[in-house]
N, C-alpha and C. Protein backbone atom coordinates (compact mmCIF):
# COMPACT_ATOMS: atom_id res chain seq x y z
N ASP A 1 99.98 106.61 86.86
CA ASP A 1 99.33 106.50 88.11
C ASP A 1 98.10 105.36 88.08
N ALA A 2 97.58 105.19 86.90
CA ALA A 2 96.44 104.26 86.79
C ALA A 2 97.07 102.79 86.79
N LEU A 3 98.38 102.64 86.59
CA LEU A 3 98.92 101.33 86.52
C LEU A 3 99.70 100.97 87.82
N LYS A 4 99.75 101.83 88.70
CA LYS A 4 100.64 101.57 90.01
C LYS A 4 100.32 100.33 90.68
N ASP A 5 99.00 99.97 90.72
CA ASP A 5 98.68 98.81 91.65
C ASP A 5 98.53 97.54 90.77
N LEU A 6 98.95 97.54 89.46
CA LEU A 6 98.93 96.32 88.64
C LEU A 6 100.30 95.63 88.83
N ASP A 7 100.11 94.15 88.68
CA ASP A 7 101.33 93.34 88.68
C ASP A 7 102.00 93.28 87.30
N GLU A 8 102.92 92.34 87.16
CA GLU A 8 103.65 92.23 85.74
C GLU A 8 102.68 91.66 84.74
N MET A 9 101.53 91.01 85.16
CA MET A 9 100.63 90.54 84.15
C MET A 9 99.36 91.62 83.87
N GLY A 10 99.38 92.63 84.54
CA GLY A 10 98.45 93.67 84.33
C GLY A 10 97.18 93.38 85.19
N ILE A 11 97.27 92.63 86.39
CA ILE A 11 96.18 92.41 87.15
C ILE A 11 96.29 93.10 88.52
N ILE A 12 95.29 93.67 89.06
CA ILE A 12 95.31 94.38 90.18
C ILE A 12 95.83 93.61 91.42
N ARG A 13 96.59 94.23 92.25
CA ARG A 13 97.20 93.33 93.36
C ARG A 13 96.17 93.42 94.58
N ILE A 14 96.17 92.35 95.45
CA ILE A 14 95.31 92.21 96.45
C ILE A 14 95.73 93.28 97.62
N GLY A 15 94.73 93.89 98.13
CA GLY A 15 94.91 95.03 99.03
C GLY A 15 94.79 96.42 98.65
N ALA A 16 94.81 96.56 97.20
CA ALA A 16 94.80 97.80 96.53
C ALA A 16 93.46 98.45 96.81
N GLU A 17 93.45 99.81 97.02
CA GLU A 17 92.15 100.61 97.22
C GLU A 17 91.83 100.96 95.86
N VAL A 18 90.65 100.72 95.36
CA VAL A 18 90.23 101.15 93.92
C VAL A 18 88.92 102.02 94.03
N LYS A 19 88.83 102.81 92.99
CA LYS A 19 87.57 103.73 92.91
C LYS A 19 87.20 103.67 91.45
N GLU A 20 86.01 104.20 91.29
CA GLU A 20 85.40 104.18 90.05
C GLU A 20 86.33 104.49 88.83
N GLY A 21 86.38 103.59 87.88
CA GLY A 21 87.32 103.97 86.79
C GLY A 21 88.60 103.42 86.72
N ASP A 22 89.02 102.83 87.89
CA ASP A 22 90.48 102.27 88.04
C ASP A 22 90.53 101.04 87.25
N ILE A 23 91.72 100.63 86.78
CA ILE A 23 91.97 99.50 85.98
C ILE A 23 92.06 98.26 87.02
N LEU A 24 91.22 97.28 86.72
CA LEU A 24 91.43 96.05 87.57
C LEU A 24 92.25 94.94 86.72
N VAL A 25 92.03 94.89 85.50
CA VAL A 25 92.72 93.94 84.59
C VAL A 25 93.08 94.73 83.32
N GLY A 26 94.30 94.91 83.16
CA GLY A 26 94.77 95.54 81.81
C GLY A 26 94.62 94.66 80.70
N LYS A 27 94.02 95.20 79.66
CA LYS A 27 93.86 94.31 78.48
C LYS A 27 93.80 95.23 77.20
N VAL A 28 94.44 94.81 76.13
CA VAL A 28 94.37 95.50 74.85
C VAL A 28 93.89 94.44 73.74
N THR A 29 93.16 94.97 72.91
CA THR A 29 92.65 94.13 71.75
C THR A 29 93.04 94.74 70.45
N PRO A 30 93.41 94.00 69.42
CA PRO A 30 93.79 94.49 68.12
C PRO A 30 92.54 95.18 67.50
N LYS A 31 92.67 96.03 66.56
CA LYS A 31 91.61 96.71 65.93
C LYS A 31 91.96 97.15 64.55
N GLY A 32 90.90 97.44 63.86
CA GLY A 32 90.97 97.87 62.39
C GLY A 32 91.31 99.27 62.25
N GLU A 33 91.61 99.60 61.00
CA GLU A 33 91.89 100.96 60.73
C GLU A 33 90.64 101.91 60.98
N LYS A 34 89.50 101.46 60.77
CA LYS A 34 88.36 102.31 60.67
C LYS A 34 87.81 102.69 61.98
N ASP A 35 88.07 101.83 63.13
CA ASP A 35 87.47 102.29 64.36
C ASP A 35 88.36 103.12 65.32
N LEU A 36 88.98 104.01 64.80
CA LEU A 36 89.86 104.92 65.62
C LEU A 36 89.13 106.09 66.05
N SER A 37 89.22 106.38 67.36
CA SER A 37 88.53 107.45 68.01
C SER A 37 89.56 108.67 67.69
N ALA A 38 89.03 109.87 68.29
CA ALA A 38 89.93 111.08 68.14
C ALA A 38 91.22 110.85 69.05
N GLU A 39 91.04 110.33 70.24
CA GLU A 39 92.21 110.06 71.16
C GLU A 39 93.26 109.20 70.43
N GLU A 40 92.57 108.07 69.84
CA GLU A 40 93.49 106.99 69.20
C GLU A 40 94.27 107.60 68.01
N ARG A 41 93.51 108.53 67.24
CA ARG A 41 94.22 109.14 66.16
C ARG A 41 95.38 110.00 66.66
N LEU A 42 95.13 110.63 67.70
CA LEU A 42 96.18 111.53 68.39
C LEU A 42 97.44 110.73 68.70
N LEU A 43 97.20 109.60 69.43
CA LEU A 43 98.16 108.64 69.79
C LEU A 43 98.94 108.19 68.65
N HIS A 44 98.23 107.75 67.54
CA HIS A 44 98.84 107.29 66.26
C HIS A 44 99.85 108.50 65.86
N ALA A 45 99.26 109.70 65.81
CA ALA A 45 100.17 110.68 65.32
C ALA A 45 101.43 110.93 66.03
N ILE A 46 101.29 110.64 67.44
CA ILE A 46 102.52 110.77 68.25
C ILE A 46 103.42 109.63 68.29
N PHE A 47 102.89 108.36 68.40
CA PHE A 47 103.65 107.17 68.56
C PHE A 47 103.77 106.32 67.18
N GLY A 48 103.14 106.69 66.21
CA GLY A 48 103.22 106.00 65.05
C GLY A 48 102.38 104.68 64.91
N ASP A 49 102.79 103.71 64.15
CA ASP A 49 102.00 102.51 64.05
C ASP A 49 101.76 101.48 65.22
N LYS A 50 102.61 101.56 66.22
CA LYS A 50 102.52 100.90 67.43
C LYS A 50 101.27 101.11 68.10
N SER A 51 100.77 102.36 68.24
CA SER A 51 99.53 102.79 68.90
C SER A 51 98.24 102.32 68.11
N ARG A 52 98.38 102.23 66.75
CA ARG A 52 97.30 102.05 65.96
C ARG A 52 96.86 100.54 66.10
N GLU A 53 97.57 99.68 66.38
CA GLU A 53 97.38 98.18 66.40
C GLU A 53 96.42 97.75 67.43
N VAL A 54 96.35 98.42 68.55
CA VAL A 54 95.52 97.97 69.65
C VAL A 54 94.69 98.96 70.33
N ARG A 55 93.59 98.52 70.89
CA ARG A 55 92.63 99.39 71.64
C ARG A 55 92.54 98.92 73.09
N ASP A 56 92.40 99.87 74.03
CA ASP A 56 92.33 99.53 75.47
C ASP A 56 90.98 99.03 75.74
N THR A 57 91.03 97.92 76.16
CA THR A 57 89.64 97.20 76.67
C THR A 57 89.72 96.60 78.02
N SER A 58 90.49 97.41 78.84
CA SER A 58 90.74 96.95 80.21
C SER A 58 89.48 96.93 81.08
N LEU A 59 89.48 96.01 81.97
CA LEU A 59 88.36 95.87 83.02
C LEU A 59 88.46 96.85 84.05
N ARG A 60 87.49 97.68 84.15
CA ARG A 60 87.60 98.82 85.08
C ARG A 60 86.57 98.70 86.20
N VAL A 61 86.83 99.52 87.33
CA VAL A 61 85.89 99.37 88.45
C VAL A 61 84.58 100.06 87.96
N PRO A 62 83.41 99.41 88.08
CA PRO A 62 82.02 99.98 87.71
C PRO A 62 81.69 101.17 88.63
N HIS A 63 80.70 101.81 88.32
CA HIS A 63 80.20 102.97 88.97
C HIS A 63 79.68 102.45 90.42
N GLY A 64 79.97 103.08 91.42
CA GLY A 64 79.55 102.80 92.82
C GLY A 64 80.17 101.46 93.43
N ALA A 65 81.22 101.01 92.80
CA ALA A 65 81.89 99.84 93.50
C ALA A 65 83.24 100.10 94.03
N ASP A 66 83.54 101.22 94.60
CA ASP A 66 84.76 101.55 95.20
C ASP A 66 84.94 100.63 96.39
N GLY A 67 86.24 100.29 96.74
CA GLY A 67 86.55 99.46 97.78
C GLY A 67 87.94 99.02 97.86
N VAL A 68 88.24 97.84 98.49
CA VAL A 68 89.53 97.19 98.58
C VAL A 68 89.47 95.81 97.96
N VAL A 69 90.40 95.54 97.23
CA VAL A 69 90.52 94.36 96.50
C VAL A 69 90.89 93.25 97.50
N ARG A 70 90.02 92.25 97.65
CA ARG A 70 90.24 91.22 98.79
C ARG A 70 90.68 89.91 98.09
N ASP A 71 90.45 89.69 96.79
CA ASP A 71 90.87 88.40 96.28
C ASP A 71 90.94 88.47 94.71
N VAL A 72 91.81 87.74 94.04
CA VAL A 72 91.93 87.70 92.70
C VAL A 72 92.08 86.26 92.35
N LYS A 73 91.14 85.66 91.57
CA LYS A 73 91.32 84.41 91.13
C LYS A 73 91.52 84.42 89.45
N ILE A 74 92.54 83.59 89.22
CA ILE A 74 92.85 83.44 87.74
C ILE A 74 92.65 82.02 87.25
N PHE A 75 91.71 81.92 86.20
CA PHE A 75 91.49 80.61 85.66
C PHE A 75 92.09 80.54 84.30
N THR A 76 92.74 79.39 83.91
CA THR A 76 93.47 79.25 82.61
C THR A 76 93.15 77.87 82.22
N ARG A 77 93.37 77.59 80.82
CA ARG A 77 93.37 76.26 80.29
C ARG A 77 94.33 75.49 80.73
N ALA A 78 95.62 76.00 80.99
CA ALA A 78 96.81 75.41 81.28
C ALA A 78 96.70 74.90 82.74
N ASN A 79 95.96 75.42 83.64
CA ASN A 79 95.62 74.97 84.91
C ASN A 79 94.61 73.83 84.90
N GLY A 80 93.95 73.51 83.83
CA GLY A 80 92.86 72.50 83.80
C GLY A 80 91.54 73.21 84.06
N ASP A 81 91.46 74.45 84.06
CA ASP A 81 90.10 74.97 84.36
C ASP A 81 89.22 74.95 83.05
N GLU A 82 87.99 74.73 83.26
CA GLU A 82 87.11 74.70 82.07
C GLU A 82 86.57 76.14 81.80
N LEU A 83 86.88 76.53 80.55
CA LEU A 83 86.53 77.86 80.01
C LEU A 83 85.70 77.63 78.85
N GLN A 84 84.85 78.74 78.63
CA GLN A 84 84.01 78.80 77.43
C GLN A 84 85.04 78.81 76.12
N SER A 85 84.45 78.46 74.95
CA SER A 85 85.32 78.34 73.76
C SER A 85 85.71 79.76 73.50
N GLY A 86 86.98 79.84 73.01
CA GLY A 86 87.49 81.17 72.62
C GLY A 86 88.06 81.99 73.90
N VAL A 87 87.79 81.56 75.01
CA VAL A 87 88.36 82.14 76.26
C VAL A 87 89.65 81.44 76.74
N ASN A 88 90.70 82.20 76.79
CA ASN A 88 92.02 81.58 77.25
C ASN A 88 92.34 81.75 78.66
N MET A 89 91.84 82.87 79.17
CA MET A 89 92.03 83.25 80.60
C MET A 89 90.88 83.87 81.12
N LEU A 90 90.48 83.68 82.46
CA LEU A 90 89.37 84.31 83.01
C LEU A 90 89.94 84.82 84.35
N VAL A 91 89.81 86.11 84.60
CA VAL A 91 90.17 86.69 85.88
C VAL A 91 88.97 87.26 86.76
N ARG A 92 88.86 86.91 87.90
CA ARG A 92 87.83 87.34 88.77
C ARG A 92 88.42 88.20 89.86
N VAL A 93 87.93 89.38 90.08
CA VAL A 93 88.46 90.33 91.13
C VAL A 93 87.30 90.50 92.07
N TYR A 94 87.60 90.31 93.40
CA TYR A 94 86.55 90.51 94.53
C TYR A 94 86.97 91.75 95.25
N ILE A 95 85.94 92.75 95.28
CA ILE A 95 86.21 94.01 95.88
C ILE A 95 85.17 93.95 97.16
N ALA A 96 85.87 94.41 98.30
CA ALA A 96 85.11 94.49 99.49
C ALA A 96 84.74 96.01 99.78
N GLN A 97 83.52 96.26 100.07
CA GLN A 97 83.08 97.61 100.29
C GLN A 97 82.63 97.79 101.72
N LYS A 98 82.94 98.97 102.24
CA LYS A 98 82.42 99.47 103.59
C LYS A 98 81.23 100.19 103.47
N ARG A 99 80.21 99.87 104.00
CA ARG A 99 78.90 100.58 103.89
C ARG A 99 78.33 100.77 105.27
N LYS A 100 77.55 101.90 105.44
CA LYS A 100 76.83 102.10 106.63
C LYS A 100 75.72 101.14 106.82
N ILE A 101 75.58 100.57 107.92
CA ILE A 101 74.34 99.58 108.23
C ILE A 101 73.21 100.37 108.20
N LYS A 102 71.97 99.78 107.73
CA LYS A 102 70.86 100.54 107.79
C LYS A 102 69.79 99.56 108.17
N VAL A 103 68.50 99.97 108.50
CA VAL A 103 67.42 99.10 109.08
C VAL A 103 67.09 98.14 107.86
N GLY A 104 66.90 96.94 108.16
CA GLY A 104 66.57 96.01 107.17
C GLY A 104 67.75 95.05 106.76
N ASP A 105 69.00 95.57 107.00
CA ASP A 105 70.13 94.78 106.72
C ASP A 105 70.28 93.49 107.45
N LYS A 106 70.73 92.51 106.95
CA LYS A 106 70.92 91.23 107.80
C LYS A 106 72.35 91.06 108.13
N MET A 107 72.56 90.66 109.31
CA MET A 107 73.96 90.56 109.89
C MET A 107 74.02 89.01 110.38
N ALA A 108 75.29 88.53 110.31
CA ALA A 108 75.52 87.13 110.81
C ALA A 108 76.78 87.13 111.56
N GLY A 109 76.98 86.31 112.49
CA GLY A 109 78.14 86.18 113.44
C GLY A 109 78.84 84.91 112.96
N ARG A 110 80.01 84.72 113.75
CA ARG A 110 80.72 83.50 113.31
C ARG A 110 80.19 82.20 113.84
N HIS A 111 79.15 82.24 114.68
CA HIS A 111 78.56 81.00 115.34
C HIS A 111 77.23 80.65 114.92
N GLY A 112 76.83 81.18 113.75
CA GLY A 112 75.56 80.80 113.19
C GLY A 112 74.38 81.71 113.64
N ASN A 113 74.77 82.67 114.49
CA ASN A 113 73.78 83.69 114.94
C ASN A 113 73.52 84.60 113.91
N LYS A 114 72.17 84.93 113.61
CA LYS A 114 71.93 85.85 112.51
C LYS A 114 70.80 86.68 112.86
N GLY A 115 70.61 87.91 112.30
CA GLY A 115 69.53 88.74 112.73
C GLY A 115 69.37 89.91 111.68
N VAL A 116 68.23 90.52 111.87
CA VAL A 116 68.02 91.75 110.96
C VAL A 116 68.02 92.98 111.81
N VAL A 117 68.68 94.03 111.33
CA VAL A 117 68.67 95.35 112.10
C VAL A 117 67.34 95.97 112.09
N SER A 118 66.77 96.09 113.35
CA SER A 118 65.33 96.53 113.38
C SER A 118 65.36 98.07 113.70
N ARG A 119 66.34 98.57 114.42
CA ARG A 119 66.42 99.97 114.72
C ARG A 119 67.81 100.42 114.97
N ILE A 120 68.04 101.65 114.46
CA ILE A 120 69.43 102.35 114.81
C ILE A 120 69.14 103.55 115.48
N VAL A 121 69.71 103.75 116.73
CA VAL A 121 69.31 104.76 117.59
C VAL A 121 70.72 105.68 117.86
N PRO A 122 70.66 106.94 118.31
CA PRO A 122 71.85 107.55 118.63
C PRO A 122 72.51 107.00 119.89
N VAL A 123 73.79 107.15 119.93
CA VAL A 123 74.68 106.52 121.09
C VAL A 123 74.03 107.08 122.41
N GLU A 124 73.46 108.25 122.48
CA GLU A 124 72.96 108.71 123.74
C GLU A 124 71.67 107.96 124.19
N ASP A 125 71.02 107.35 123.34
CA ASP A 125 69.77 106.51 123.59
C ASP A 125 70.05 105.03 123.83
N MET A 126 71.31 104.70 123.75
CA MET A 126 71.61 103.27 124.02
C MET A 126 72.00 103.02 125.43
N PRO A 127 71.76 101.82 126.02
CA PRO A 127 72.10 101.50 127.34
C PRO A 127 73.71 101.56 127.36
N TYR A 128 74.24 101.77 128.59
CA TYR A 128 75.62 101.90 128.83
C TYR A 128 76.11 101.02 129.96
N LEU A 129 77.41 100.60 129.99
CA LEU A 129 77.95 99.87 131.11
C LEU A 129 78.20 100.63 132.33
N PRO A 130 78.43 100.15 133.43
CA PRO A 130 78.57 100.86 134.77
C PRO A 130 79.70 101.94 134.65
N ASP A 131 80.69 101.69 133.84
CA ASP A 131 81.85 102.71 133.70
C ASP A 131 81.51 103.72 132.57
N GLY A 132 80.34 103.66 131.94
CA GLY A 132 79.84 104.71 131.09
C GLY A 132 80.07 104.32 129.65
N THR A 133 80.72 103.29 129.36
CA THR A 133 80.87 102.84 127.93
C THR A 133 79.67 102.43 127.24
N PRO A 134 79.31 103.05 126.11
CA PRO A 134 78.01 102.71 125.47
C PRO A 134 78.09 101.39 124.82
N VAL A 135 76.84 100.73 124.76
CA VAL A 135 76.80 99.36 124.06
C VAL A 135 76.68 99.69 122.62
N ASP A 136 77.32 98.90 121.68
CA ASP A 136 77.42 99.04 120.36
C ASP A 136 76.19 98.36 119.66
N ILE A 137 75.91 97.27 120.18
CA ILE A 137 74.81 96.44 119.42
C ILE A 137 74.10 95.61 120.57
N MET A 138 72.87 95.35 120.40
CA MET A 138 72.06 94.59 121.29
C MET A 138 71.50 93.41 120.44
N LEU A 139 71.53 92.19 121.00
CA LEU A 139 71.07 91.03 120.37
C LEU A 139 69.99 90.47 121.21
N ASN A 140 69.09 89.72 120.69
CA ASN A 140 67.88 88.98 121.46
C ASN A 140 68.58 87.81 122.16
N PRO A 141 68.54 87.73 123.48
CA PRO A 141 69.11 86.49 124.17
C PRO A 141 68.46 85.31 123.88
N LEU A 142 67.20 85.26 123.37
CA LEU A 142 66.55 83.98 123.09
C LEU A 142 67.18 83.41 121.86
N GLY A 143 68.09 84.12 121.16
CA GLY A 143 68.72 83.38 119.89
C GLY A 143 69.76 82.43 120.23
N VAL A 144 70.37 82.52 121.52
CA VAL A 144 71.46 81.66 121.94
C VAL A 144 70.87 80.14 122.17
N PRO A 145 70.00 79.98 123.06
CA PRO A 145 69.62 78.68 123.39
C PRO A 145 68.77 78.06 122.20
N SER A 146 68.01 78.85 121.50
CA SER A 146 67.12 78.24 120.42
C SER A 146 68.12 77.65 119.28
N ARG A 147 69.29 78.29 119.06
CA ARG A 147 70.23 77.83 117.97
C ARG A 147 71.37 76.93 118.51
N MET A 148 71.41 76.96 119.90
CA MET A 148 72.48 76.11 120.51
C MET A 148 73.83 76.53 120.04
N ASN A 149 74.05 77.95 119.78
CA ASN A 149 75.42 78.35 119.40
C ASN A 149 76.19 78.85 120.52
N ILE A 150 76.71 77.83 121.42
CA ILE A 150 77.39 78.08 122.63
C ILE A 150 78.63 78.85 122.31
N GLY A 151 79.22 78.72 121.13
CA GLY A 151 80.45 79.44 120.75
C GLY A 151 80.32 80.85 120.94
N GLN A 152 78.97 81.43 120.51
CA GLN A 152 78.79 82.87 120.75
C GLN A 152 78.93 83.39 122.24
N VAL A 153 78.41 82.53 123.11
CA VAL A 153 78.47 82.85 124.51
C VAL A 153 79.90 82.81 125.08
N MET A 154 80.71 81.74 124.61
CA MET A 154 82.17 81.58 124.95
C MET A 154 82.93 82.82 124.54
N GLU A 155 82.70 83.33 123.19
CA GLU A 155 83.34 84.36 122.68
C GLU A 155 83.12 85.55 123.51
N LEU A 156 81.87 85.83 123.91
CA LEU A 156 81.44 86.96 124.59
C LEU A 156 82.13 86.91 126.00
N HIS A 157 82.18 85.86 126.65
CA HIS A 157 82.87 85.67 128.01
C HIS A 157 84.33 85.92 127.88
N LEU A 158 84.95 85.41 126.94
CA LEU A 158 86.35 85.64 126.57
C LEU A 158 86.76 87.02 126.32
N GLY A 159 85.73 87.75 125.53
CA GLY A 159 86.07 89.16 125.28
C GLY A 159 85.89 90.01 126.46
N MET A 160 84.85 89.65 127.32
CA MET A 160 84.77 90.40 128.63
C MET A 160 85.97 90.17 129.53
N ALA A 161 86.35 88.96 129.57
CA ALA A 161 87.56 88.82 130.38
C ALA A 161 88.81 89.54 130.00
N ALA A 162 89.11 89.50 128.59
CA ALA A 162 90.21 90.24 128.02
C ALA A 162 90.05 91.74 128.25
N ARG A 163 88.90 92.21 128.14
CA ARG A 163 88.68 93.64 128.48
C ARG A 163 88.92 93.95 129.86
N THR A 164 88.37 93.15 130.86
CA THR A 164 88.67 93.37 132.28
C THR A 164 90.19 93.39 132.59
N LEU A 165 90.83 92.34 131.96
CA LEU A 165 92.32 92.20 132.23
C LEU A 165 93.13 93.25 131.45
N GLY A 166 92.51 93.95 130.53
CA GLY A 166 93.20 94.97 129.81
C GLY A 166 94.18 94.43 128.73
N ILE A 167 93.86 93.34 128.18
CA ILE A 167 94.72 92.70 127.15
C ILE A 167 93.98 92.57 125.84
N HIS A 168 94.68 92.53 124.68
CA HIS A 168 94.07 92.37 123.39
C HIS A 168 94.48 90.98 122.90
N ILE A 169 93.48 90.24 122.58
CA ILE A 169 93.65 88.89 122.11
C ILE A 169 93.46 88.86 120.57
N ALA A 170 94.55 88.66 119.94
CA ALA A 170 94.65 88.66 118.54
C ALA A 170 94.44 87.22 118.00
N THR A 171 93.37 86.96 117.12
CA THR A 171 93.15 85.69 116.41
C THR A 171 93.67 86.00 114.98
N PRO A 172 94.64 85.21 114.53
CA PRO A 172 95.03 85.55 113.12
C PRO A 172 94.01 85.44 112.00
N VAL A 173 93.05 84.47 112.19
CA VAL A 173 92.07 84.35 111.20
C VAL A 173 91.22 85.57 111.02
N PHE A 174 90.94 86.24 112.12
CA PHE A 174 89.92 87.29 112.17
C PHE A 174 90.68 88.73 112.12
N ASP A 175 92.00 88.80 112.37
CA ASP A 175 92.64 90.04 112.32
C ASP A 175 93.54 90.33 110.97
N GLY A 176 93.03 89.64 109.97
CA GLY A 176 93.58 89.92 108.73
C GLY A 176 94.97 89.20 108.41
N ALA A 177 95.44 88.22 109.14
CA ALA A 177 96.74 87.65 108.95
C ALA A 177 96.60 86.55 107.91
């Protein structure tokens, strides 16, 4: 079960949901006779000499880093990547986490607009549209002309037009394609 999301090279696949302790990169290293743990002695008793030769040194998900694997980058000397001496391959795994937003968090949009969360209020305390739909987020309108990010205004207008027309506009870049 721990190996179900690993590819043939022992590297986690993109899109896999991972939790604390899951293997990201499978790795075994040779070991000497004297560093056998109790579990390893049991494995040796069951499987013989094959289990004695290696120790599991796999890269695992650290405490509190649960999420979804978004990207895996593999660096090797064969590809011309510069690695430290003694390193033949370097694997970087990027994990995206969903977190609850809180006061003080910084948010940024696609158009250079950015801001800090100053207050979180219950939905009943938020303003609402004429049809009763509550507003999710409020931005300071002075942020648009001061930064001249007209793309933000265009996206807002197109989103309102699509909602009024009852259509969903899919943009492959932002819909995970």
